[in-house]
N, C-alpha and C. Protein backbone atom coordinates (compact mmCIF):
# COMPACT_ATOMS: atom_id res chain seq x y z
N MET A 1 -27.37 18.45 -2.59
CA MET A 1 -26.34 19.27 -2.98
C MET A 1 -25.99 20.24 -1.84
N ALA A 2 -24.80 20.54 -1.54
CA ALA A 2 -24.28 21.45 -0.50
C ALA A 2 -24.76 22.85 -0.75
N ASN A 3 -25.30 23.49 0.24
CA ASN A 3 -25.82 24.83 0.19
C ASN A 3 -24.90 25.85 0.80
N THR A 4 -24.42 25.53 1.92
CA THR A 4 -23.60 26.46 2.66
C THR A 4 -22.16 26.50 2.11
N SER A 5 -21.47 27.61 2.35
CA SER A 5 -20.14 27.77 1.79
C SER A 5 -19.20 26.67 2.50
N SER A 6 -19.40 26.44 3.81
CA SER A 6 -18.58 25.50 4.44
C SER A 6 -18.78 24.04 3.96
N ALA A 7 -19.99 23.77 3.54
CA ALA A 7 -20.33 22.44 3.03
C ALA A 7 -19.70 22.28 1.62
N LYS A 8 -19.74 23.36 0.81
CA LYS A 8 -19.14 23.36 -0.48
C LYS A 8 -17.60 23.14 -0.37
N LYS A 9 -17.04 23.81 0.56
CA LYS A 9 -15.60 23.71 0.85
C LYS A 9 -15.32 22.24 1.25
N ALA A 10 -16.03 21.70 2.15
CA ALA A 10 -15.77 20.35 2.62
C ALA A 10 -15.93 19.31 1.49
N THR A 11 -16.78 19.62 0.61
CA THR A 11 -16.92 18.72 -0.65
C THR A 11 -15.72 18.78 -1.53
N ARG A 12 -15.19 20.02 -1.73
CA ARG A 12 -13.96 20.14 -2.47
C ARG A 12 -12.78 19.48 -1.77
N ALA A 13 -12.64 19.66 -0.42
CA ALA A 13 -11.55 19.02 0.22
C ALA A 13 -11.68 17.53 0.24
N SER A 14 -12.86 17.02 0.35
CA SER A 14 -13.00 15.57 0.34
C SER A 14 -12.63 15.02 -1.00
N ALA A 15 -12.96 15.67 -2.03
CA ALA A 15 -12.56 15.21 -3.41
C ALA A 15 -11.02 15.30 -3.50
N ARG A 16 -10.34 16.25 -3.00
CA ARG A 16 -8.90 16.29 -3.08
C ARG A 16 -8.26 15.15 -2.33
N ARG A 17 -8.82 14.96 -1.05
CA ARG A 17 -8.26 13.83 -0.29
C ARG A 17 -8.50 12.47 -0.85
N ALA A 18 -9.67 12.35 -1.55
CA ALA A 18 -9.95 11.01 -2.17
C ALA A 18 -9.01 10.77 -3.29
N GLU A 19 -8.65 11.83 -4.05
CA GLU A 19 -7.65 11.61 -5.16
C GLU A 19 -6.32 11.26 -4.62
N VAL A 20 -5.88 11.91 -3.60
CA VAL A 20 -4.60 11.58 -2.89
C VAL A 20 -4.58 10.17 -2.41
N ASN A 21 -5.64 9.80 -1.70
CA ASN A 21 -5.74 8.50 -1.15
C ASN A 21 -5.80 7.38 -2.24
N LYS A 22 -6.43 7.76 -3.37
CA LYS A 22 -6.50 6.73 -4.46
C LYS A 22 -5.11 6.53 -5.01
N ASN A 23 -4.32 7.53 -5.20
CA ASN A 23 -2.94 7.40 -5.61
C ASN A 23 -2.11 6.64 -4.62
N ARG A 24 -2.30 6.80 -3.41
CA ARG A 24 -1.53 6.09 -2.38
C ARG A 24 -1.84 4.65 -2.39
N THR A 25 -3.19 4.40 -2.51
CA THR A 25 -3.67 3.01 -2.50
C THR A 25 -3.10 2.21 -3.77
N SER A 26 -3.04 2.97 -4.85
CA SER A 26 -2.52 2.36 -6.11
C SER A 26 -1.06 2.02 -5.93
N ARG A 27 -0.28 2.99 -5.38
CA ARG A 27 1.12 2.69 -5.12
C ARG A 27 1.40 1.40 -4.29
N ILE A 28 0.54 1.31 -3.19
CA ILE A 28 0.68 0.21 -2.29
C ILE A 28 0.38 -1.07 -3.05
N ARG A 29 -0.72 -1.09 -3.82
CA ARG A 29 -1.05 -2.33 -4.54
C ARG A 29 -0.02 -2.69 -5.55
N THR A 30 0.56 -1.68 -6.19
CA THR A 30 1.60 -1.99 -7.25
C THR A 30 2.86 -2.58 -6.65
N HIS A 31 3.29 -2.04 -5.49
CA HIS A 31 4.49 -2.59 -4.88
C HIS A 31 4.28 -4.01 -4.28
N VAL A 32 3.12 -4.24 -3.75
CA VAL A 32 2.75 -5.56 -3.18
C VAL A 32 2.67 -6.60 -4.39
N ARG A 33 2.13 -6.19 -5.47
CA ARG A 33 1.99 -7.01 -6.64
C ARG A 33 3.37 -7.41 -7.17
N LYS A 34 4.32 -6.43 -7.18
CA LYS A 34 5.66 -6.67 -7.65
C LYS A 34 6.35 -7.76 -6.79
N VAL A 35 6.10 -7.72 -5.48
CA VAL A 35 6.68 -8.77 -4.56
C VAL A 35 6.03 -10.09 -4.92
N GLU A 36 4.68 -10.16 -5.02
CA GLU A 36 4.06 -11.42 -5.38
C GLU A 36 4.48 -12.00 -6.62
N GLU A 37 4.69 -11.16 -7.66
CA GLU A 37 5.15 -11.64 -8.93
C GLU A 37 6.61 -12.19 -8.83
N ALA A 38 7.39 -11.56 -8.06
CA ALA A 38 8.71 -12.13 -7.87
C ALA A 38 8.72 -13.51 -7.13
N ILE A 39 7.79 -13.61 -6.19
CA ILE A 39 7.69 -14.83 -5.49
C ILE A 39 7.22 -15.95 -6.46
N VAL A 40 6.23 -15.65 -7.28
CA VAL A 40 5.77 -16.60 -8.26
C VAL A 40 6.85 -16.95 -9.28
N ALA A 41 7.63 -15.99 -9.61
CA ALA A 41 8.76 -16.23 -10.69
C ALA A 41 9.83 -17.06 -9.98
N GLY A 42 9.89 -17.07 -8.71
CA GLY A 42 10.90 -17.88 -8.05
C GLY A 42 12.23 -17.19 -7.99
N VAL A 43 12.35 -16.01 -8.17
CA VAL A 43 13.69 -15.24 -8.10
C VAL A 43 13.73 -14.57 -6.73
N LYS A 44 14.44 -15.17 -5.79
CA LYS A 44 14.47 -14.70 -4.43
C LYS A 44 15.10 -13.27 -4.27
N ALA A 45 16.21 -13.00 -5.11
CA ALA A 45 16.87 -11.72 -5.05
C ALA A 45 15.89 -10.65 -5.44
N ASP A 46 15.15 -10.85 -6.46
CA ASP A 46 14.12 -9.84 -6.88
C ASP A 46 13.01 -9.68 -5.88
N ALA A 47 12.62 -10.82 -5.21
CA ALA A 47 11.61 -10.72 -4.26
C ALA A 47 12.06 -10.02 -2.98
N VAL A 48 13.24 -10.22 -2.60
CA VAL A 48 13.83 -9.47 -1.43
C VAL A 48 13.92 -7.98 -1.73
N ALA A 49 14.35 -7.57 -2.90
CA ALA A 49 14.56 -6.21 -3.35
C ALA A 49 13.10 -5.53 -3.38
N ALA A 50 12.15 -6.25 -3.96
CA ALA A 50 10.82 -5.69 -4.02
C ALA A 50 10.10 -5.53 -2.67
N LEU A 51 10.47 -6.49 -1.82
CA LEU A 51 9.92 -6.47 -0.48
C LEU A 51 10.53 -5.22 0.31
N ALA A 52 11.78 -4.96 0.10
CA ALA A 52 12.40 -3.82 0.71
C ALA A 52 11.80 -2.49 0.33
N VAL A 53 11.29 -2.43 -0.95
CA VAL A 53 10.66 -1.23 -1.49
C VAL A 53 9.18 -1.16 -0.97
N ALA A 54 8.53 -2.36 -0.92
CA ALA A 54 7.12 -2.37 -0.66
C ALA A 54 6.78 -2.20 0.83
N THR A 55 7.69 -2.65 1.73
CA THR A 55 7.45 -2.49 3.15
C THR A 55 7.16 -1.09 3.65
N PRO A 56 8.13 -0.09 3.29
CA PRO A 56 7.80 1.25 3.72
C PRO A 56 6.57 1.84 3.11
N GLU A 57 6.31 1.44 1.87
CA GLU A 57 5.08 1.91 1.16
C GLU A 57 3.80 1.56 1.97
N VAL A 58 3.81 0.26 2.26
CA VAL A 58 2.60 -0.28 3.04
C VAL A 58 2.51 0.37 4.40
N MET A 59 3.62 0.49 5.09
CA MET A 59 3.61 1.06 6.48
C MET A 59 3.20 2.55 6.36
N ARG A 60 3.67 3.19 5.32
CA ARG A 60 3.28 4.62 5.13
C ARG A 60 1.77 4.81 4.91
N GLY A 61 1.23 3.84 4.16
CA GLY A 61 -0.19 3.80 3.98
C GLY A 61 -0.94 3.69 5.29
N ALA A 62 -0.39 2.88 6.15
CA ALA A 62 -1.04 2.67 7.44
C ALA A 62 -0.96 3.98 8.29
N GLN A 63 0.20 4.55 8.14
CA GLN A 63 0.43 5.87 8.89
C GLN A 63 -0.54 7.00 8.42
N LYS A 64 -0.75 6.98 7.11
CA LYS A 64 -1.62 8.06 6.49
C LYS A 64 -3.07 7.77 6.58
N GLY A 65 -3.45 6.50 7.08
CA GLY A 65 -4.81 6.20 7.29
C GLY A 65 -5.49 5.49 6.04
N ILE A 66 -4.62 5.05 5.08
CA ILE A 66 -5.18 4.39 3.95
C ILE A 66 -5.64 3.02 4.32
N MET A 67 -4.94 2.31 5.22
CA MET A 67 -5.25 0.99 5.73
C MET A 67 -4.93 0.99 7.16
N HIS A 68 -5.58 0.06 7.87
CA HIS A 68 -5.36 -0.18 9.28
C HIS A 68 -3.99 -0.61 9.56
N LYS A 69 -3.42 -0.16 10.65
CA LYS A 69 -2.03 -0.49 10.97
C LYS A 69 -1.78 -1.94 11.19
N ASN A 70 -2.79 -2.69 11.74
CA ASN A 70 -2.66 -4.10 11.95
C ASN A 70 -2.74 -4.85 10.59
N ALA A 71 -3.60 -4.35 9.71
CA ALA A 71 -3.72 -4.93 8.37
C ALA A 71 -2.39 -4.72 7.63
N ALA A 72 -1.78 -3.61 7.74
CA ALA A 72 -0.49 -3.31 7.02
C ALA A 72 0.65 -4.26 7.64
N SER A 73 0.57 -4.34 8.97
CA SER A 73 1.63 -5.23 9.60
C SER A 73 1.47 -6.66 9.14
N ARG A 74 0.15 -7.12 9.14
CA ARG A 74 -0.15 -8.48 8.73
C ARG A 74 0.34 -8.75 7.32
N LYS A 75 0.08 -7.81 6.35
CA LYS A 75 0.41 -8.00 4.97
C LYS A 75 1.99 -8.14 4.83
N VAL A 76 2.62 -7.15 5.49
CA VAL A 76 4.16 -7.17 5.47
C VAL A 76 4.68 -8.44 6.07
N SER A 77 4.09 -8.90 7.14
CA SER A 77 4.50 -10.09 7.84
C SER A 77 4.38 -11.31 6.91
N ARG A 78 3.20 -11.37 6.25
CA ARG A 78 2.93 -12.62 5.37
C ARG A 78 3.79 -12.57 4.13
N LEU A 79 4.06 -11.40 3.58
CA LEU A 79 4.94 -11.35 2.44
C LEU A 79 6.35 -11.71 2.83
N THR A 80 6.77 -11.24 4.01
CA THR A 80 8.15 -11.59 4.46
C THR A 80 8.32 -13.03 4.64
N LEU A 81 7.28 -13.72 5.22
CA LEU A 81 7.37 -15.14 5.48
C LEU A 81 7.41 -15.89 4.12
N ARG A 82 6.65 -15.40 3.14
CA ARG A 82 6.68 -16.05 1.80
C ARG A 82 7.99 -15.96 1.11
N VAL A 83 8.65 -14.71 1.34
CA VAL A 83 9.95 -14.52 0.68
C VAL A 83 11.00 -15.32 1.35
N ARG A 84 10.92 -15.43 2.68
CA ARG A 84 11.93 -16.27 3.38
C ARG A 84 11.77 -17.71 3.10
N ALA A 85 10.64 -18.18 2.78
CA ALA A 85 10.41 -19.62 2.47
C ALA A 85 10.86 -20.01 1.10
N MET A 86 11.24 -19.04 0.28
CA MET A 86 11.62 -19.26 -1.06
C MET A 86 13.02 -20.06 -1.06
N GLN A 87 13.26 -20.83 -2.07
CA GLN A 87 14.49 -21.55 -2.15
C GLN A 87 15.52 -20.71 -2.93
N GLY A 88 16.78 -20.70 -2.41
CA GLY A 88 17.92 -20.08 -3.11
C GLY A 88 17.67 -18.64 -3.36
């Protein structure tokens, strides 16, 4: 258990950051899942719209340190390829 006041403050700050990061991660997963569901459903218009919303969310996560920037770019790239490969 933290004994010094600075250690106690660091524990509180860490808990606050963890909560914020948890919410951001959840948002990213939700938007990516919506794109993947649209791809599976085969509705290209919905997939394109969902991708347009998901892309900035994923990149913002990389910017905020939730995920690595290369991992974010890779995820967006692969989703984009899957959406482009859809018929009609």
